[in-house]
Amino acid sequence: MLGLLHNGKVNGDRLLDLVREQLAARYQLRDIVVVSKPSASRVADPAVLDRLARECDAVVTAIGD
């Protein structure tokens, strides 16, 4: 399972969409977990990080702008 963590910056979600499209074209992804931080200046909630660590084989995060 792939995890995508949007850091809250402008266009980070667009970048992650492109990453997801490219990875899905190359690999058979069984599922994708998409989560967001409320702000780039804040640390991700521990429960979110625990979920990503528990459920995902790989996690990609992106910085926008």
PDB file of N, CA and C in Angstrom:
ATOM      1  N   MET A   1       0.848  -1.168   0.000  1.00  0.00           N
ATOM      2  CA  MET A   1       0.000   0.000   0.000  1.00  0.00           C
ATOM      3  C   MET A   1       0.898   1.236   0.000  1.00  0.00           C
ATOM      4  N   LEU A   2       0.482   2.240  -0.740  1.00  0.00           N
ATOM      5  CA  LEU A   2       1.215   3.496  -0.841  1.00  0.00           C
ATOM      6  C   LEU A   2       0.564   4.539   0.051  1.00  0.00           C
ATOM      7  N   GLY A   3       1.381   5.294   0.758  1.00  0.00           N
ATOM      8  CA  GLY A   3       0.891   6.416   1.550  1.00  0.00           C
ATOM      9  C   GLY A   3       1.352   7.719   0.935  1.00  0.00           C
ATOM     10  N   LEU A   4       0.459   8.695   0.905  1.00  0.00           N
ATOM     11  CA  LEU A   4       0.788  10.026   0.418  1.00  0.00           C
ATOM     12  C   LEU A   4       0.470  11.024   1.526  1.00  0.00           C
ATOM     13  N   LEU A   5       1.467  11.812   1.909  1.00  0.00           N
ATOM     14  CA  LEU A   5       1.299  12.796   2.975  1.00  0.00           C
ATOM     15  C   LEU A   5       1.484  14.190   2.394  1.00  0.00           C
ATOM     16  N   HIS A   6       0.388  14.932   2.316  1.00  0.00           N
ATOM     17  CA  HIS A   6       0.424  16.316   1.835  1.00  0.00           C
ATOM     18  C   HIS A   6       0.771  17.205   3.025  1.00  0.00           C
ATOM     19  N   ASN A   7       1.763  18.073   2.846  1.00  0.00           N
ATOM     20  CA  ASN A   7       2.234  18.861   3.984  1.00  0.00           C
ATOM     21  C   ASN A   7       1.457  20.150   4.199  1.00  0.00           C
ATOM     22  N   GLY A   8       0.483  20.442   3.381  1.00  0.00           N
ATOM     23  CA  GLY A   8      -0.342  21.621   3.594  1.00  0.00           C
ATOM     24  C   GLY A   8       0.059  22.831   2.771  1.00  0.00           C
ATOM     25  N   LYS A   9       1.151  22.750   2.036  1.00  0.00           N
ATOM     26  CA  LYS A   9       1.552  23.886   1.205  1.00  0.00           C
ATOM     27  C   LYS A   9       0.791  23.869  -0.122  1.00  0.00           C
ATOM     28  N   VAL A  10       0.691  25.046  -0.707  1.00  0.00           N
ATOM     29  CA  VAL A  10       0.005  25.200  -1.984  1.00  0.00           C
ATOM     30  C   VAL A  10       0.671  24.303  -3.031  1.00  0.00           C
ATOM     31  N   ASN A  11      -0.130  23.587  -3.764  1.00  0.00           N
ATOM     32  CA  ASN A  11       0.281  22.704  -4.869  1.00  0.00           C
ATOM     33  C   ASN A  11       0.939  21.396  -4.431  1.00  0.00           C
ATOM     34  N   GLY A  12       1.106  21.169  -3.143  1.00  0.00           N
ATOM     35  CA  GLY A  12       1.637  19.883  -2.692  1.00  0.00           C
ATOM     36  C   GLY A  12       0.729  18.742  -3.092  1.00  0.00           C
ATOM     37  N   ASP A  13      -0.581  18.994  -3.036  1.00  0.00           N
ATOM     38  CA  ASP A  13      -1.537  17.962  -3.430  1.00  0.00           C
ATOM     39  C   ASP A  13      -1.453  17.667  -4.928  1.00  0.00           C
ATOM     40  N   ARG A  14      -1.200  18.685  -5.730  1.00  0.00           N
ATOM     41  CA  ARG A  14      -1.054  18.473  -7.177  1.00  0.00           C
ATOM     42  C   ARG A  14       0.182  17.634  -7.479  1.00  0.00           C
ATOM     43  N   LEU A  15       1.270  17.920  -6.770  1.00  0.00           N
ATOM     44  CA  LEU A  15       2.488  17.142  -6.956  1.00  0.00           C
ATOM     45  C   LEU A  15       2.262  15.682  -6.570  1.00  0.00           C
ATOM     46  N   LEU A  16       1.594  15.459  -5.451  1.00  0.00           N
ATOM     47  CA  LEU A  16       1.317  14.085  -5.029  1.00  0.00           C
ATOM     48  C   LEU A  16       0.397  13.369  -6.013  1.00  0.00           C
ATOM     49  N   ASP A  17      -0.533  14.083  -6.622  1.00  0.00           N
ATOM     50  CA  ASP A  17      -1.387  13.471  -7.655  1.00  0.00           C
ATOM     51  C   ASP A  17      -0.541  12.982  -8.829  1.00  0.00           C
ATOM     52  N   LEU A  18       0.433  13.785  -9.233  1.00  0.00           N
ATOM     53  CA  LEU A  18       1.321  13.366 -10.326  1.00  0.00           C
ATOM     54  C   LEU A  18       2.169  12.163  -9.927  1.00  0.00           C
ATOM     55  N   VAL A  19       2.675  12.159  -8.706  1.00  0.00           N
ATOM     56  CA  VAL A  19       3.453  11.025  -8.211  1.00  0.00           C
ATOM     57  C   VAL A  19       2.589   9.769  -8.196  1.00  0.00           C
ATOM     58  N   ARG A  20       1.370   9.909  -7.710  1.00  0.00           N
ATOM     59  CA  ARG A  20       0.457   8.761  -7.664  1.00  0.00           C
ATOM     60  C   ARG A  20       0.190   8.227  -9.066  1.00  0.00           C
ATOM     61  N   GLU A  21      -0.053   9.101 -10.031  1.00  0.00           N
ATOM     62  CA  GLU A  21      -0.302   8.668 -11.401  1.00  0.00           C
ATOM     63  C   GLU A  21       0.886   7.901 -11.974  1.00  0.00           C
ATOM     64  N   GLN A  22       2.091   8.416 -11.758  1.00  0.00           N
ATOM     65  CA  GLN A  22       3.296   7.770 -12.287  1.00  0.00           C
ATOM     66  C   GLN A  22       3.533   6.401 -11.629  1.00  0.00           C
ATOM     67  N   LEU A  23       3.378   6.340 -10.323  1.00  0.00           N
ATOM     68  CA  LEU A  23       3.583   5.065  -9.624  1.00  0.00           C
ATOM     69  C   LEU A  23       2.511   4.051 -10.003  1.00  0.00           C
ATOM     70  N   ALA A  24       1.278   4.503 -10.152  1.00  0.00           N
ATOM     71  CA  ALA A  24       0.193   3.592 -10.539  1.00  0.00           C
ATOM     72  C   ALA A  24       0.395   3.059 -11.955  1.00  0.00           C
ATOM     73  N   ALA A  25       1.021   3.844 -12.815  1.00  0.00           N
ATOM     74  CA  ALA A  25       1.290   3.383 -14.177  1.00  0.00           C
ATOM     75  C   ALA A  25       2.382   2.315 -14.208  1.00  0.00           C
ATOM     76  N   ARG A  26       3.263   2.351 -13.227  1.00  0.00           N
ATOM     77  CA  ARG A  26       4.387   1.395 -13.198  1.00  0.00           C
ATOM     78  C   ARG A  26       4.149   0.179 -12.307  1.00  0.00           C
ATOM     79  N   TYR A  27       3.350   0.354 -11.272  1.00  0.00           N
ATOM     80  CA  TYR A  27       3.174  -0.705 -10.274  1.00  0.00           C
ATOM     81  C   TYR A  27       1.687  -0.957 -10.041  1.00  0.00           C
ATOM     82  N   GLN A  28       1.392  -2.168  -9.639  1.00  0.00           N
ATOM     83  CA  GLN A  28       0.019  -2.499  -9.275  1.00  0.00           C
ATOM     84  C   GLN A  28      -0.168  -2.132  -7.805  1.00  0.00           C
ATOM     85  N   LEU A  29      -0.721  -0.978  -7.568  1.00  0.00           N
ATOM     86  CA  LEU A  29      -0.954  -0.517  -6.205  1.00  0.00           C
ATOM     87  C   LEU A  29      -2.292  -1.054  -5.731  1.00  0.00           C
ATOM     88  N   ARG A  30      -2.287  -1.756  -4.623  1.00  0.00           N
ATOM     89  CA  ARG A  30      -3.544  -2.321  -4.147  1.00  0.00           C
ATOM     90  C   ARG A  30      -4.422  -1.281  -3.492  1.00  0.00           C
ATOM     91  N   ASP A  31      -3.801  -0.268  -2.904  1.00  0.00           N
ATOM     92  CA  ASP A  31      -4.573   0.796  -2.279  1.00  0.00           C
ATOM     93  C   ASP A  31      -3.646   1.972  -1.995  1.00  0.00           C
ATOM     94  N   ILE A  32      -4.246   3.135  -1.778  1.00  0.00           N
ATOM     95  CA  ILE A  32      -3.476   4.338  -1.489  1.00  0.00           C
ATOM     96  C   ILE A  32      -4.126   5.045  -0.313  1.00  0.00           C
ATOM     97  N   VAL A  33      -3.306   5.426   0.663  1.00  0.00           N
ATOM     98  CA  VAL A  33      -3.759   6.208   1.807  1.00  0.00           C
ATOM     99  C   VAL A  33      -3.288   7.636   1.580  1.00  0.00           C
ATOM    100  N   VAL A  34      -4.220   8.582   1.578  1.00  0.00           N
ATOM    101  CA  VAL A  34      -3.881   9.993   1.394  1.00  0.00           C
ATOM    102  C   VAL A  34      -4.256  10.737   2.666  1.00  0.00           C
ATOM    103  N   VAL A  35      -3.274  11.396   3.271  1.00  0.00           N
ATOM    104  CA  VAL A  35      -3.510  12.182   4.477  1.00  0.00           C
ATOM    105  C   VAL A  35      -2.849  13.543   4.318  1.00  0.00           C
ATOM    106  N   SER A  36      -3.303  14.507   5.110  1.00  0.00           N
ATOM    107  CA  SER A  36      -2.774  15.866   5.030  1.00  0.00           C
ATOM    108  C   SER A  36      -2.451  16.401   6.409  1.00  0.00           C
ATOM    109  N   LYS A  37      -1.414  17.204   6.442  1.00  0.00           N
ATOM    110  CA  LYS A  37      -1.119  17.983   7.638  1.00  0.00           C
ATOM    111  C   LYS A  37      -1.881  19.301   7.508  1.00  0.00           C
ATOM    112  N   PRO A  38      -2.268  19.912   8.622  1.00  0.00           N
ATOM    113  CA  PRO A  38      -2.999  21.171   8.515  1.00  0.00           C
ATOM    114  C   PRO A  38      -2.127  22.333   8.044  1.00  0.00           C
ATOM    115  N   SER A  39      -0.822  22.222   8.268  1.00  0.00           N
ATOM    116  CA  SER A  39       0.084  23.315   7.923  1.00  0.00           C
ATOM    117  C   SER A  39       1.493  22.766   7.761  1.00  0.00           C
ATOM    118  N   ALA A  40       2.251  23.349   6.830  1.00  0.00           N
ATOM    119  CA  ALA A  40       3.630  22.912   6.620  1.00  0.00           C
ATOM    120  C   ALA A  40       4.504  23.205   7.832  1.00  0.00           C
ATOM    121  N   SER A  41       4.110  24.171   8.633  1.00  0.00           N
ATOM    122  CA  SER A  41       4.918  24.552   9.788  1.00  0.00           C
ATOM    123  C   SER A  41       4.627  23.712  11.026  1.00  0.00           C
ATOM    124  N   ARG A  42       3.682  22.789  10.936  1.00  0.00           N
ATOM    125  CA  ARG A  42       3.325  21.956  12.076  1.00  0.00           C
ATOM    126  C   ARG A  42       3.727  20.509  11.819  1.00  0.00           C
ATOM    127  N   VAL A  43       4.058  19.830  12.870  1.00  0.00           N
ATOM    128  CA  VAL A  43       4.414  18.412  12.789  1.00  0.00           C
ATOM    129  C   VAL A  43       3.139  17.601  12.549  1.00  0.00           C
ATOM    130  N   ALA A  44       3.270  16.552  11.772  1.00  0.00           N
ATOM    131  CA  ALA A  44       2.120  15.675  11.534  1.00  0.00           C
ATOM    132  C   ALA A  44       1.677  15.042  12.846  1.00  0.00           C
ATOM    133  N   ASP A  45       0.389  14.877  12.983  1.00  0.00           N
ATOM    134  CA  ASP A  45      -0.185  14.263  14.172  1.00  0.00           C
ATOM    135  C   ASP A  45       0.385  12.856  14.346  1.00  0.00           C
ATOM    136  N   PRO A  46       0.780  12.485  15.556  1.00  0.00           N
ATOM    137  CA  PRO A  46       1.338  11.144  15.774  1.00  0.00           C
ATOM    138  C   PRO A  46       0.424  10.011  15.309  1.00  0.00           C
ATOM    139  N   ALA A  47      -0.874  10.185  15.439  1.00  0.00           N
ATOM    140  CA  ALA A  47      -1.807   9.140  14.994  1.00  0.00           C
ATOM    141  C   ALA A  47      -1.740   8.967  13.480  1.00  0.00           C
ATOM    142  N   VAL A  48      -1.558  10.062  12.749  1.00  0.00           N
ATOM    143  CA  VAL A  48      -1.429   9.996  11.288  1.00  0.00           C
ATOM    144  C   VAL A  48      -0.153   9.259  10.915  1.00  0.00           C
ATOM    145  N   LEU A  49       0.949   9.602  11.576  1.00  0.00           N
ATOM    146  CA  LEU A  49       2.218   8.936  11.297  1.00  0.00           C
ATOM    147  C   LEU A  49       2.165   7.460  11.658  1.00  0.00           C
ATOM    148  N   ASP A  50       1.514   7.134  12.773  1.00  0.00           N
ATOM    149  CA  ASP A  50       1.354   5.731  13.161  1.00  0.00           C
ATOM    150  C   ASP A  50       0.551   4.961  12.114  1.00  0.00           C
ATOM    151  N   ARG A  51      -0.510   5.577  11.610  1.00  0.00           N
ATOM    152  CA  ARG A  51      -1.324   4.915  10.585  1.00  0.00           C
ATOM    153  C   ARG A  51      -0.499   4.644   9.335  1.00  0.00           C
ATOM    154  N   LEU A  52       0.258   5.642   8.894  1.00  0.00           N
ATOM    155  CA  LEU A  52       1.089   5.461   7.704  1.00  0.00           C
ATOM    156  C   LEU A  52       2.116   4.348   7.919  1.00  0.00           C
ATOM    157  N   ALA A  53       2.749   4.335   9.084  1.00  0.00           N
ATOM    158  CA  ALA A  53       3.762   3.320   9.379  1.00  0.00           C
ATOM    159  C   ALA A  53       3.144   1.924   9.453  1.00  0.00           C
ATOM    160  N   ARG A  54       1.954   1.844   9.992  1.00  0.00           N
ATOM    161  CA  ARG A  54       1.286   0.550  10.185  1.00  0.00           C
ATOM    162  C   ARG A  54       0.721  -0.011   8.881  1.00  0.00           C
ATOM    163  N   GLU A  55       0.159   0.854   8.042  1.00  0.00           N
ATOM    164  CA  GLU A  55      -0.599   0.387   6.881  1.00  0.00           C
ATOM    165  C   GLU A  55       0.168   0.416   5.556  1.00  0.00           C
ATOM    166  N   CYS A  56       1.243   1.205   5.467  1.00  0.00           N
ATOM    167  CA  CYS A  56       1.854   1.452   4.163  1.00  0.00           C
ATOM    168  C   CYS A  56       3.212   0.780   4.019  1.00  0.00           C
ATOM    169  N   ASP A  57       3.479   0.358   2.788  1.00  0.00           N
ATOM    170  CA  ASP A  57       4.782  -0.190   2.445  1.00  0.00           C
ATOM    171  C   ASP A  57       5.769   0.925   2.124  1.00  0.00           C
ATOM    172  N   ALA A  58       5.259   2.028   1.591  1.00  0.00           N
ATOM    173  CA  ALA A  58       6.082   3.196   1.261  1.00  0.00           C
ATOM    174  C   ALA A  58       5.227   4.442   1.406  1.00  0.00           C
ATOM    175  N   VAL A  59       5.868   5.547   1.783  1.00  0.00           N
ATOM    176  CA  VAL A  59       5.167   6.826   1.960  1.00  0.00           C
ATOM    177  C   VAL A  59       5.934   7.902   1.205  1.00  0.00           C
ATOM    178  N   VAL A  60       5.194   8.744   0.483  1.00  0.00           N
ATOM    179  CA  VAL A  60       5.775   9.886  -0.213  1.00  0.00           C
ATOM    180  C   VAL A  60       5.147  11.137   0.382  1.00  0.00           C
ATOM    181  N   THR A  61       5.977  12.116   0.669  1.00  0.00           N
ATOM    182  CA  THR A  61       5.462  13.411   1.109  1.00  0.00           C
ATOM    183  C   THR A  61       5.940  14.459   0.122  1.00  0.00           C
ATOM    184  N   ALA A  62       5.216  15.562   0.041  1.00  0.00           N
ATOM    185  CA  ALA A  62       5.555  16.578  -0.956  1.00  0.00           C
ATOM    186  C   ALA A  62       5.457  17.971  -0.353  1.00  0.00           C
ATOM    187  N   ILE A  63       6.335  18.821  -0.841  1.00  0.00           N
ATOM    188  CA  ILE A  63       6.293  20.232  -0.514  1.00  0.00           C
ATOM    189  C   ILE A  63       5.830  20.951  -1.767  1.00  0.00           C
ATOM    190  N   GLY A  64       4.855  21.809  -1.621  1.00  0.00           N
ATOM    191  CA  GLY A  64       4.314  22.525  -2.766  1.00  0.00           C
ATOM    192  C   GLY A  64       5.005  23.855  -2.994  1.00  0.00           C
ATOM    193  N   ASP A  65       4.280  24.776  -3.537  1.00  0.00           N
ATOM    194  CA  ASP A  65       4.665  26.150  -3.891  1.00  0.00           C
ATOM    195  C   ASP A  65       4.943  26.280  -5.343  1.00  0.00           C
TER     196      ASP A  65
END
